C-alpha cells in the first residue's frame, strides 16, 4: 500500500528556470503577464527571475523590473542570486526570498560560475548567514545531484554532504535537482529517503528535468520517500546552457494532472494554467509538447 501525502506544493520555476535558456528574448511585459497568469492559477511559490550578468544570461537582464512589478504578499517570490553582486541587487529590491545554487559536480560548477564547488560554498556561507540575519528566506538549489554531463554519476554521499553544508549554513530549503534528467526512480527514492531522515526540519524539494521522460516516475518515487514539494515549469519550459542535452523541467500541467488524479491536492487550476501558457507560447522558439497540453489543445 502506497503511503502518500494528501497535499503537494508546486514551486513554479517557469519565469526563471524555464525562460533562461530561451533563444528569443521575451518582452518584459509578456513575462509579467505570464507571472500574473501563473499566480491566478493558484501557484503560491514561484521563481520570478535571477540577478545574474546579462552578458551570460541575456534573458534575465530585466530582472529588477520584474521584481519591482511582480512581487505579491500572498505568495513566496524567489529571485536567484548566485554571488555577492546578485545579493547586493536583492538588497536593493523588496524581494525577501532568495535562491542560491551550487553544483555537486566540480566540472559543472566551473562551467556554470567559474568556481569549484568548494570555492562556491566558501563564498556562500557568510552570505547565507547575512541573509538569515536580515530575515530572508533562503533556498539552496543543489545542481547535478544525481548525474553530471561532464563527470557522469554523482556519488550519493557527495550530494548528501553538500546538502549538509547548506543546512549547517542556515538555509530554509533544499531543492535537489536531477539537472540532466538521468536519475532512475530507485535513485530518487534512495536519496530523498536519506535526506528526509537526516534533515527532518528542512523543507525538501525535488527538481526533475524530463530529458528521458522519467520525471513523473521520479516524482512518484519521491512521493513514496515522503517528499511533498516539487519544482515544475509551465509548458515544460527550461533547460540549462551549461548542461548540454538537458531538456526542460517537468511540465507543471502534467504533474498537477497526475497528482490530482491520485487524489493529492495541489491547489492549481489547470484551465487557468493553460491560459498562462498561452500567454508565453507565441514568444517561444520551441513547441510545447507536454502530454496534458497536447490533449487539451486537441479538445478545446
C-alpha atoms as a PDB file:
ATOM      1  CA  UNK A   1       0.000   0.000   0.000  1.00  0.00           C
ATOM      2  CA  UNK A   2       1.343   3.411  -1.001  1.00  0.00           C
ATOM      3  CA  UNK A   3       1.632   6.000   1.753  1.00  0.00           C
ATOM      4  CA  UNK A   4       1.432   9.351   0.003  1.00  0.00           C
ATOM      5  CA  UNK A   5       0.876  12.951   1.120  1.00  0.00           C
ATOM      6  CA  UNK A   6      -2.610  14.430   0.892  1.00  0.00           C
ATOM      7  CA  UNK A   7      -1.286  17.746  -0.408  1.00  0.00           C
ATOM      8  CA  UNK A   8       1.694  18.801  -2.513  1.00  0.00           C
ATOM      9  CA  UNK A   9       3.224  22.245  -3.009  1.00  0.00           C
ATOM     10  CA  UNK A  10       4.221  23.128  -6.557  1.00  0.00           C
ATOM     11  CA  UNK A  11       7.051  25.649  -6.919  1.00  0.00           C
ATOM     12  CA  UNK A  12       6.673  27.192 -10.369  1.00  0.00           C
ATOM     13  CA  UNK A  13      10.070  27.854 -11.958  1.00  0.00           C
ATOM     14  CA  UNK A  14       8.920  28.752 -15.475  1.00  0.00           C
ATOM     15  CA  UNK A  15       9.556  32.516 -15.361  1.00  0.00           C
ATOM     16  CA  UNK A  16      13.189  31.968 -14.318  1.00  0.00           C
ATOM     17  CA  UNK A  17      14.492  28.460 -14.942  1.00  0.00           C
ATOM     18  CA  UNK A  18      12.006  27.958 -17.746  1.00  0.00           C
ATOM     19  CA  UNK A  19      12.912  31.073 -19.720  1.00  0.00           C
ATOM     20  CA  UNK A  20      16.642  31.413 -19.001  1.00  0.00           C
ATOM     21  CA  UNK A  21      17.583  29.142 -21.908  1.00  0.00           C
ATOM     22  CA  UNK A  22      15.013  30.530 -24.354  1.00  0.00           C
ATOM     23  CA  UNK A  23      16.714  31.794 -27.523  1.00  0.00           C
ATOM     24  CA  UNK A  24      14.225  34.572 -28.191  1.00  0.00           C
ATOM     25  CA  UNK A  25      14.182  37.485 -25.784  1.00  0.00           C
ATOM     26  CA  UNK A  26      10.728  37.504 -24.251  1.00  0.00           C
ATOM     27  CA  UNK A  27       9.401  41.057 -23.821  1.00  0.00           C
ATOM     28  CA  UNK A  28       9.325  42.155 -20.211  1.00  0.00           C
ATOM     29  CA  UNK A  29       5.606  42.935 -20.283  1.00  0.00           C
ATOM     30  CA  UNK A  30       4.860  39.413 -21.537  1.00  0.00           C
ATOM     31  CA  UNK A  31       6.903  37.952 -18.699  1.00  0.00           C
ATOM     32  CA  UNK A  32       4.856  39.997 -16.237  1.00  0.00           C
ATOM     33  CA  UNK A  33       1.593  38.789 -17.778  1.00  0.00           C
ATOM     34  CA  UNK A  34       2.887  35.204 -17.645  1.00  0.00           C
ATOM     35  CA  UNK A  35       3.723  35.536 -13.942  1.00  0.00           C
ATOM     36  CA  UNK A  36       0.321  37.020 -13.167  1.00  0.00           C
ATOM     37  CA  UNK A  37      -1.377  34.255 -15.106  1.00  0.00           C
ATOM     38  CA  UNK A  38       0.538  31.589 -13.194  1.00  0.00           C
ATOM     39  CA  UNK A  39      -0.329  33.240  -9.910  1.00  0.00           C
ATOM     40  CA  UNK A  40      -4.012  33.368 -10.829  1.00  0.00           C
ATOM     41  CA  UNK A  41      -3.862  29.618 -11.461  1.00  0.00           C
ATOM     42  CA  UNK A  42      -3.118  29.108  -7.768  1.00  0.00           C
ATOM     43  CA  UNK A  43       0.672  28.789  -7.753  1.00  0.00           C
ATOM     44  CA  UNK A  44       1.769  30.208  -4.409  1.00  0.00           C
ATOM     45  CA  UNK A  45       5.560  29.805  -4.717  1.00  0.00           C
ATOM     46  CA  UNK A  46       7.431  30.962  -7.788  1.00  0.00           C
ATOM     47  CA  UNK A  47      10.904  31.736  -9.133  1.00  0.00           C
ATOM     48  CA  UNK A  48      10.381  35.110 -10.766  1.00  0.00           C
ATOM     49  CA  UNK A  49      13.800  35.913 -12.214  1.00  0.00           C
ATOM     50  CA  UNK A  50      17.515  35.928 -11.476  1.00  0.00           C
ATOM     51  CA  UNK A  51      20.060  38.616 -10.731  1.00  0.00           C
ATOM     52  CA  UNK A  52      22.856  37.390 -12.966  1.00  0.00           C
ATOM     53  CA  UNK A  53      25.044  39.109 -15.507  1.00  0.00           C
ATOM     54  CA  UNK A  54      23.022  39.852 -18.680  1.00  0.00           C
ATOM     55  CA  UNK A  55      26.223  39.125 -20.573  1.00  0.00           C
ATOM     56  CA  UNK A  56      25.861  35.441 -19.671  1.00  0.00           C
ATOM     57  CA  UNK A  57      22.067  35.172 -19.411  1.00  0.00           C
ATOM     58  CA  UNK A  58      20.547  37.982 -21.519  1.00  0.00           C
ATOM     59  CA  UNK A  59      17.003  36.723 -20.892  1.00  0.00           C
ATOM     60  CA  UNK A  60      17.271  37.768 -17.253  1.00  0.00           C
ATOM     61  CA  UNK A  61      18.511  41.289 -17.970  1.00  0.00           C
ATOM     62  CA  UNK A  62      15.151  42.758 -16.929  1.00  0.00           C
ATOM     63  CA  UNK A  63      15.186  41.081 -13.514  1.00  0.00           C
ATOM     64  CA  UNK A  64      14.996  44.300 -11.492  1.00  0.00           C
ATOM     65  CA  UNK A  65      11.867  45.443 -13.330  1.00  0.00           C
ATOM     66  CA  UNK A  66      10.256  42.032 -12.961  1.00  0.00           C
ATOM     67  CA  UNK A  67      10.856  42.068  -9.216  1.00  0.00           C
ATOM     68  CA  UNK A  68       9.648  45.668  -8.891  1.00  0.00           C
ATOM     69  CA  UNK A  69       6.312  44.902 -10.569  1.00  0.00           C
ATOM     70  CA  UNK A  70       5.571  41.251  -9.783  1.00  0.00           C
ATOM     71  CA  UNK A  71       6.038  40.734  -6.046  1.00  0.00           C
ATOM     72  CA  UNK A  72       2.918  39.585  -4.249  1.00  0.00           C
ATOM     73  CA  UNK A  73       2.452  39.497  -0.451  1.00  0.00           C
ATOM     74  CA  UNK A  74       0.378  36.307  -0.640  1.00  0.00           C
ATOM     75  CA  UNK A  75       2.991  34.240  -2.466  1.00  0.00           C
ATOM     76  CA  UNK A  76       6.640  33.357  -1.892  1.00  0.00           C
ATOM     77  CA  UNK A  77       8.567  35.054  -4.693  1.00  0.00           C
ATOM     78  CA  UNK A  78      12.126  33.863  -5.302  1.00  0.00           C
ATOM     79  CA  UNK A  79      14.950  35.599  -7.095  1.00  0.00           C
ATOM     80  CA  UNK A  80      18.045  33.587  -7.950  1.00  0.00           C
ATOM     81  CA  UNK A  81      21.248  35.338  -6.903  1.00  0.00           C
ATOM     82  CA  UNK A  82      24.401  33.276  -7.450  1.00  0.00           C
ATOM     83  CA  UNK A  83      27.000  35.562  -5.900  1.00  0.00           C
ATOM     84  CA  UNK A  84      27.693  38.698  -3.877  1.00  0.00           C
ATOM     85  CA  UNK A  85      26.851  41.033  -6.789  1.00  0.00           C
ATOM     86  CA  UNK A  86      23.471  39.354  -7.159  1.00  0.00           C
ATOM     87  CA  UNK A  87      22.807  39.558  -3.430  1.00  0.00           C
ATOM     88  CA  UNK A  88      23.549  43.288  -3.409  1.00  0.00           C
ATOM     89  CA  UNK A  89      20.882  43.693  -6.092  1.00  0.00           C
ATOM     90  CA  UNK A  90      18.473  41.683  -3.919  1.00  0.00           C
ATOM     91  CA  UNK A  91      19.050  44.137  -1.080  1.00  0.00           C
ATOM     92  CA  UNK A  92      18.044  46.953  -3.427  1.00  0.00           C
ATOM     93  CA  UNK A  93      14.698  45.250  -4.097  1.00  0.00           C
ATOM     94  CA  UNK A  94      11.676  44.355  -1.974  1.00  0.00           C
ATOM     95  CA  UNK A  95      12.113  40.605  -2.535  1.00  0.00           C
ATOM     96  CA  UNK A  96      12.567  38.644   0.714  1.00  0.00           C
ATOM     97  CA  UNK A  97      13.181  35.143  -0.655  1.00  0.00           C
ATOM     98  CA  UNK A  98      16.491  34.247  -2.308  1.00  0.00           C
ATOM     99  CA  UNK A  99      17.704  31.163  -4.147  1.00  0.00           C
ATOM    100  CA  UNK A 100      21.404  30.310  -4.311  1.00  0.00           C
ATOM    101  CA  UNK A 101      22.894  27.348  -6.128  1.00  0.00           C
ATOM    102  CA  UNK A 102      25.917  25.078  -6.231  1.00  0.00           C
ATOM    103  CA  UNK A 103      26.626  22.010  -8.320  1.00  0.00           C
ATOM    104  CA  UNK A 104      27.756  18.853  -6.577  1.00  0.00           C
ATOM    105  CA  UNK A 105      29.953  18.308  -9.629  1.00  0.00           C
ATOM    106  CA  UNK A 106      33.072  20.476  -9.728  1.00  0.00           C
ATOM    107  CA  UNK A 107      33.127  20.373 -13.518  1.00  0.00           C
ATOM    108  CA  UNK A 108      29.549  21.609 -13.786  1.00  0.00           C
ATOM    109  CA  UNK A 109      30.122  24.306 -11.194  1.00  0.00           C
ATOM    110  CA  UNK A 110      33.193  25.558 -13.042  1.00  0.00           C
ATOM    111  CA  UNK A 111      31.240  25.731 -16.303  1.00  0.00           C
ATOM    112  CA  UNK A 112      28.353  27.494 -14.591  1.00  0.00           C
ATOM    113  CA  UNK A 113      30.002  30.063 -12.296  1.00  0.00           C
ATOM    114  CA  UNK A 114      33.730  29.589 -12.922  1.00  0.00           C
ATOM    115  CA  UNK A 115      34.293  28.319  -9.372  1.00  0.00           C
ATOM    116  CA  UNK A 116      34.827  24.914  -7.840  1.00  0.00           C
ATOM    117  CA  UNK A 117      32.101  23.538  -5.600  1.00  0.00           C
ATOM    118  CA  UNK A 118      34.321  24.195  -2.587  1.00  0.00           C
ATOM    119  CA  UNK A 119      35.025  27.803  -3.584  1.00  0.00           C
ATOM    120  CA  UNK A 120      31.321  28.447  -4.155  1.00  0.00           C
ATOM    121  CA  UNK A 121      30.472  27.187  -0.685  1.00  0.00           C
ATOM    122  CA  UNK A 122      33.201  29.310   0.883  1.00  0.00           C
ATOM    123  CA  UNK A 123      31.685  32.363  -0.791  1.00  0.00           C
ATOM    124  CA  UNK A 124      28.093  31.476   0.071  1.00  0.00           C
ATOM    125  CA  UNK A 125      28.400  30.592   3.764  1.00  0.00           C
ATOM    126  CA  UNK A 126      28.804  34.186   5.013  1.00  0.00           C
ATOM    127  CA  UNK A 127      26.202  35.379   2.502  1.00  0.00           C
ATOM    128  CA  UNK A 128      23.638  32.882   3.790  1.00  0.00           C
ATOM    129  CA  UNK A 129      24.380  33.881   7.384  1.00  0.00           C
ATOM    130  CA  UNK A 130      23.937  37.528   6.449  1.00  0.00           C
ATOM    131  CA  UNK A 131      20.657  36.832   4.656  1.00  0.00           C
ATOM    132  CA  UNK A 132      19.259  34.973   7.649  1.00  0.00           C
ATOM    133  CA  UNK A 133      20.279  37.809   9.975  1.00  0.00           C
ATOM    134  CA  UNK A 134      18.256  40.100   7.713  1.00  0.00           C
ATOM    135  CA  UNK A 135      15.279  37.694   7.886  1.00  0.00           C
ATOM    136  CA  UNK A 136      15.363  36.438   4.292  1.00  0.00           C
ATOM    137  CA  UNK A 137      14.046  33.029   3.255  1.00  0.00           C
ATOM    138  CA  UNK A 138      16.958  31.147   1.672  1.00  0.00           C
ATOM    139  CA  UNK A 139      16.545  28.321  -0.791  1.00  0.00           C
ATOM    140  CA  UNK A 140      19.587  26.283  -1.807  1.00  0.00           C
ATOM    141  CA  UNK A 141      19.467  24.693  -5.253  1.00  0.00           C
ATOM    142  CA  UNK A 142      21.658  21.595  -5.488  1.00  0.00           C
ATOM    143  CA  UNK A 143      22.552  21.054  -9.157  1.00  0.00           C
ATOM    144  CA  UNK A 144      23.793  17.739 -10.607  1.00  0.00           C
ATOM    145  CA  UNK A 145      22.602  15.867  -7.520  1.00  0.00           C
ATOM    146  CA  UNK A 146      22.395  12.570  -9.424  1.00  0.00           C
ATOM    147  CA  UNK A 147      24.398  12.856 -12.654  1.00  0.00           C
ATOM    148  CA  UNK A 148      26.665  15.389 -14.340  1.00  0.00           C
ATOM    149  CA  UNK A 149      27.052  15.898 -18.106  1.00  0.00           C
ATOM    150  CA  UNK A 150      30.834  16.012 -17.623  1.00  0.00           C
ATOM    151  CA  UNK A 151      31.550  13.644 -14.728  1.00  0.00           C
ATOM    152  CA  UNK A 152      28.778  11.070 -15.020  1.00  0.00           C
ATOM    153  CA  UNK A 153      27.201   9.536 -11.934  1.00  0.00           C
ATOM    154  CA  UNK A 154      27.467  11.575  -8.729  1.00  0.00           C
ATOM    155  CA  UNK A 155      28.055   9.650  -5.504  1.00  0.00           C
ATOM    156  CA  UNK A 156      25.032   9.854  -3.228  1.00  0.00           C
ATOM    157  CA  UNK A 157      27.275  10.648  -0.265  1.00  0.00           C
ATOM    158  CA  UNK A 158      28.654  13.709  -2.065  1.00  0.00           C
ATOM    159  CA  UNK A 159      25.168  15.111  -2.648  1.00  0.00           C
ATOM    160  CA  UNK A 160      24.208  14.474   0.972  1.00  0.00           C
ATOM    161  CA  UNK A 161      27.406  16.161   2.167  1.00  0.00           C
ATOM    162  CA  UNK A 162      26.732  19.297   0.116  1.00  0.00           C
ATOM    163  CA  UNK A 163      23.165  19.389   1.455  1.00  0.00           C
ATOM    164  CA  UNK A 164      24.577  19.044   4.976  1.00  0.00           C
ATOM    165  CA  UNK A 165      26.857  22.024   4.427  1.00  0.00           C
ATOM    166  CA  UNK A 166      23.945  24.157   3.266  1.00  0.00           C
ATOM    167  CA  UNK A 167      21.834  23.117   6.255  1.00  0.00           C
ATOM    168  CA  UNK A 168      24.686  23.937   8.628  1.00  0.00           C
ATOM    169  CA  UNK A 169      24.983  27.327   6.898  1.00  0.00           C
ATOM    170  CA  UNK A 170      21.337  28.021   7.799  1.00  0.00           C
ATOM    171  CA  UNK A 171      19.216  27.615   4.644  1.00  0.00           C
ATOM    172  CA  UNK A 172      15.456  27.090   4.904  1.00  0.00           C
ATOM    173  CA  UNK A 173      15.025  24.837   1.877  1.00  0.00           C
ATOM    174  CA  UNK A 174      16.972  22.366  -0.237  1.00  0.00           C
ATOM    175  CA  UNK A 175      15.917  21.989  -3.866  1.00  0.00           C
ATOM    176  CA  UNK A 176      17.678  18.855  -5.106  1.00  0.00           C
ATOM    177  CA  UNK A 177      17.954  18.652  -8.881  1.00  0.00           C
ATOM    178  CA  UNK A 178      18.304  15.954 -11.494  1.00  0.00           C
ATOM    179  CA  UNK A 179      19.811  18.548 -13.814  1.00  0.00           C
ATOM    180  CA  UNK A 180      20.220  16.342 -16.906  1.00  0.00           C
ATOM    181  CA  UNK A 181      17.181  14.107 -16.393  1.00  0.00           C
ATOM    182  CA  UNK A 182      19.212  10.953 -15.870  1.00  0.00           C
ATOM    183  CA  UNK A 183      18.042   9.718 -12.461  1.00  0.00           C
ATOM    184  CA  UNK A 184      16.171   6.437 -12.111  1.00  0.00           C
ATOM    185  CA  UNK A 185      13.191   6.301  -9.723  1.00  0.00           C
ATOM    186  CA  UNK A 186      15.105   3.932  -7.454  1.00  0.00           C
ATOM    187  CA  UNK A 187      17.890   6.515  -7.147  1.00  0.00           C
ATOM    188  CA  UNK A 188      15.396   9.269  -6.334  1.00  0.00           C
ATOM    189  CA  UNK A 189      13.721   7.148  -3.684  1.00  0.00           C
ATOM    190  CA  UNK A 190      17.064   6.272  -2.115  1.00  0.00           C
ATOM    191  CA  UNK A 191      18.445   9.817  -1.988  1.00  0.00           C
ATOM    192  CA  UNK A 192      15.284  11.527  -0.773  1.00  0.00           C
ATOM    193  CA  UNK A 193      14.660   8.868   1.861  1.00  0.00           C
ATOM    194  CA  UNK A 194      18.118   9.522   3.294  1.00  0.00           C
ATOM    195  CA  UNK A 195      17.707  13.300   3.090  1.00  0.00           C
ATOM    196  CA  UNK A 196      14.398  13.174   4.955  1.00  0.00           C
ATOM    197  CA  UNK A 197      15.941  11.133   7.734  1.00  0.00           C
ATOM    198  CA  UNK A 198      18.951  13.434   8.122  1.00  0.00           C
ATOM    199  CA  UNK A 199      17.150  16.776   7.698  1.00  0.00           C
ATOM    200  CA  UNK A 200      13.634  16.373   9.156  1.00  0.00           C
ATOM    201  CA  UNK A 201      13.245  20.099   9.878  1.00  0.00           C
ATOM    202  CA  UNK A 202      14.292  21.374   6.429  1.00  0.00           C
ATOM    203  CA  UNK A 203      11.945  21.922   3.504  1.00  0.00           C
ATOM    204  CA  UNK A 204      12.947  19.357   0.872  1.00  0.00           C
ATOM    205  CA  UNK A 205      12.026  19.930  -2.760  1.00  0.00           C
ATOM    206  CA  UNK A 206      12.623  17.643  -5.730  1.00  0.00           C
ATOM    207  CA  UNK A 207      13.546  19.174  -9.091  1.00  0.00           C
ATOM    208  CA  UNK A 208      13.389  16.920 -12.151  1.00  0.00           C
ATOM    209  CA  UNK A 209      14.131  17.520 -15.806  1.00  0.00           C
ATOM    210  CA  UNK A 210      12.282  15.364 -18.306  1.00  0.00           C
ATOM    211  CA  UNK A 211      15.119  14.686 -20.742  1.00  0.00           C
ATOM    212  CA  UNK A 212      14.496  10.926 -20.768  1.00  0.00           C
ATOM    213  CA  UNK A 213      10.777  11.079 -19.881  1.00  0.00           C
ATOM    214  CA  UNK A 214      11.430   9.792 -16.364  1.00  0.00           C
ATOM    215  CA  UNK A 215      10.363  12.876 -14.425  1.00  0.00           C
ATOM    216  CA  UNK A 216       6.853  11.706 -13.480  1.00  0.00           C
ATOM    217  CA  UNK A 217       8.215   8.317 -12.431  1.00  0.00           C
ATOM    218  CA  UNK A 218      10.820  10.085 -10.300  1.00  0.00           C
ATOM    219  CA  UNK A 219       8.146  12.270  -8.745  1.00  0.00           C
ATOM    220  CA  UNK A 220       6.136   9.178  -7.788  1.00  0.00           C
ATOM    221  CA  UNK A 221       9.252   7.642  -6.236  1.00  0.00           C
ATOM    222  CA  UNK A 222       9.922  10.887  -4.349  1.00  0.00           C
ATOM    223  CA  UNK A 223       6.347  10.972  -3.073  1.00  0.00           C
ATOM    224  CA  UNK A 224       6.886   7.492  -1.695  1.00  0.00           C
ATOM    225  CA  UNK A 225      10.019   8.786   0.019  1.00  0.00           C
ATOM    226  CA  UNK A 226       7.906  11.451   1.721  1.00  0.00           C
ATOM    227  CA  UNK A 227       8.608  14.477  -0.479  1.00  0.00           C
ATOM    228  CA  UNK A 228       5.691  16.877  -0.871  1.00  0.00           C
ATOM    229  CA  UNK A 229       7.341  19.806  -2.691  1.00  0.00           C
ATOM    230  CA  UNK A 230       8.269  19.805  -6.385  1.00  0.00           C
ATOM    231  CA  UNK A 231       9.778  22.336  -8.778  1.00  0.00           C
ATOM    232  CA  UNK A 232       7.927  22.350 -12.096  1.00  0.00           C
ATOM    233  CA  UNK A 233       7.736  24.598 -15.135  1.00  0.00           C
ATOM    234  CA  UNK A 234       4.579  25.537 -17.024  1.00  0.00           C
ATOM    235  CA  UNK A 235       4.723  24.095 -20.516  1.00  0.00           C
ATOM    236  CA  UNK A 236       7.804  22.060 -19.614  1.00  0.00           C
ATOM    237  CA  UNK A 237       9.967  25.094 -20.368  1.00  0.00           C
ATOM    238  CA  UNK A 238      13.607  25.129 -19.443  1.00  0.00           C
ATOM    239  CA  UNK A 239      16.981  23.581 -19.918  1.00  0.00           C
ATOM    240  CA  UNK A 240      20.404  24.676 -18.835  1.00  0.00           C
ATOM    241  CA  UNK A 241      23.002  26.438 -21.004  1.00  0.00           C
ATOM    242  CA  UNK A 242      25.746  24.614 -19.057  1.00  0.00           C
ATOM    243  CA  UNK A 243      24.198  21.123 -19.289  1.00  0.00           C
ATOM    244  CA  UNK A 244      24.334  20.052 -22.947  1.00  0.00           C
ATOM    245  CA  UNK A 245      21.342  17.968 -23.986  1.00  0.00           C
ATOM    246  CA  UNK A 246      19.254  18.668 -20.884  1.00  0.00           C
ATOM    247  CA  UNK A 247      15.636  19.246 -21.800  1.00  0.00           C
ATOM    248  CA  UNK A 248      13.098  21.344 -19.975  1.00  0.00           C
ATOM    249  CA  UNK A 249      11.809  20.938 -16.471  1.00  0.00           C
ATOM    250  CA  UNK A 250       8.917  18.573 -15.911  1.00  0.00           C
ATOM    251  CA  UNK A 251       5.719  20.298 -17.040  1.00  0.00           C
ATOM    252  CA  UNK A 252       3.590  21.797 -14.282  1.00  0.00           C
ATOM    253  CA  UNK A 253       0.407  20.737 -16.045  1.00  0.00           C
ATOM    254  CA  UNK A 254       1.485  17.089 -16.296  1.00  0.00           C
ATOM    255  CA  UNK A 255       2.476  16.972 -12.634  1.00  0.00           C
ATOM    256  CA  UNK A 256      -0.730  18.657 -11.456  1.00  0.00           C
ATOM    257  CA  UNK A 257      -2.861  16.338 -13.591  1.00  0.00           C
ATOM    258  CA  UNK A 258      -1.123  13.235 -12.258  1.00  0.00           C
ATOM    259  CA  UNK A 259      -1.286  14.335  -8.629  1.00  0.00           C
ATOM    260  CA  UNK A 260      -4.930  15.385  -8.769  1.00  0.00           C
ATOM    261  CA  UNK A 261      -5.824  12.057 -10.433  1.00  0.00           C
ATOM    262  CA  UNK A 262      -4.123  10.377  -7.474  1.00  0.00           C
ATOM    263  CA  UNK A 263      -6.256  12.357  -5.040  1.00  0.00           C
ATOM    264  CA  UNK A 264      -3.394  14.639  -3.990  1.00  0.00           C
ATOM    265  CA  UNK A 265      -4.373  18.303  -3.699  1.00  0.00           C
ATOM    266  CA  UNK A 266      -2.201  20.915  -5.436  1.00  0.00           C
ATOM    267  CA  UNK A 267      -4.442  23.989  -5.389  1.00  0.00           C
ATOM    268  CA  UNK A 268      -3.659  24.602  -9.074  1.00  0.00           C
ATOM    269  CA  UNK A 269      -6.428  25.316 -11.583  1.00  0.00           C
ATOM    270  CA  UNK A 270      -5.454  23.553 -14.813  1.00  0.00           C
ATOM    271  CA  UNK A 271      -7.666  25.703 -17.046  1.00  0.00           C
ATOM    272  CA  UNK A 272      -6.100  28.900 -15.712  1.00  0.00           C
ATOM    273  CA  UNK A 273      -2.672  27.314 -16.039  1.00  0.00           C
ATOM    274  CA  UNK A 274      -3.388  26.657 -19.727  1.00  0.00           C
ATOM    275  CA  UNK A 275      -4.329  30.322 -20.121  1.00  0.00           C
ATOM    276  CA  UNK A 276      -0.979  31.340 -18.632  1.00  0.00           C
ATOM    277  CA  UNK A 277       0.888  29.041 -21.013  1.00  0.00           C
ATOM    278  CA  UNK A 278      -0.925  30.615 -23.955  1.00  0.00           C
ATOM    279  CA  UNK A 279       0.462  33.991 -22.900  1.00  0.00           C
ATOM    280  CA  UNK A 280       4.055  32.808 -23.259  1.00  0.00           C
ATOM    281  CA  UNK A 281       3.695  30.279 -26.088  1.00  0.00           C
ATOM    282  CA  UNK A 282       3.828  32.750 -29.045  1.00  0.00           C
ATOM    283  CA  UNK A 283       7.174  34.072 -27.765  1.00  0.00           C
ATOM    284  CA  UNK A 284       8.918  30.703 -27.662  1.00  0.00           C
ATOM    285  CA  UNK A 285      11.396  29.262 -30.142  1.00  0.00           C
ATOM    286  CA  UNK A 286      10.242  25.732 -29.271  1.00  0.00           C
ATOM    287  CA  UNK A 287       6.924  23.944 -29.226  1.00  0.00           C
ATOM    288  CA  UNK A 288       5.155  22.894 -26.061  1.00  0.00           C
ATOM    289  CA  UNK A 289       4.853  19.126 -26.073  1.00  0.00           C
ATOM    290  CA  UNK A 290       3.666  18.189 -22.599  1.00  0.00           C
ATOM    291  CA  UNK A 291       1.081  15.422 -22.614  1.00  0.00           C
ATOM    292  CA  UNK A 292      -1.634  17.436 -20.905  1.00  0.00           C
ATOM    293  CA  UNK A 293      -1.093  20.470 -23.128  1.00  0.00           C
ATOM    294  CA  UNK A 294      -1.313  18.415 -26.341  1.00  0.00           C
ATOM    295  CA  UNK A 295      -4.547  16.742 -25.279  1.00  0.00           C
ATOM    296  CA  UNK A 296      -6.015  19.998 -24.001  1.00  0.00           C
ATOM    297  CA  UNK A 297      -5.380  21.870 -27.251  1.00  0.00           C
ATOM    298  CA  UNK A 298      -6.854  18.991 -29.273  1.00  0.00           C
ATOM    299  CA  UNK A 299     -10.114  19.050 -27.335  1.00  0.00           C
ATOM    300  CA  UNK A 300     -10.821  22.764 -26.870  1.00  0.00           C
END
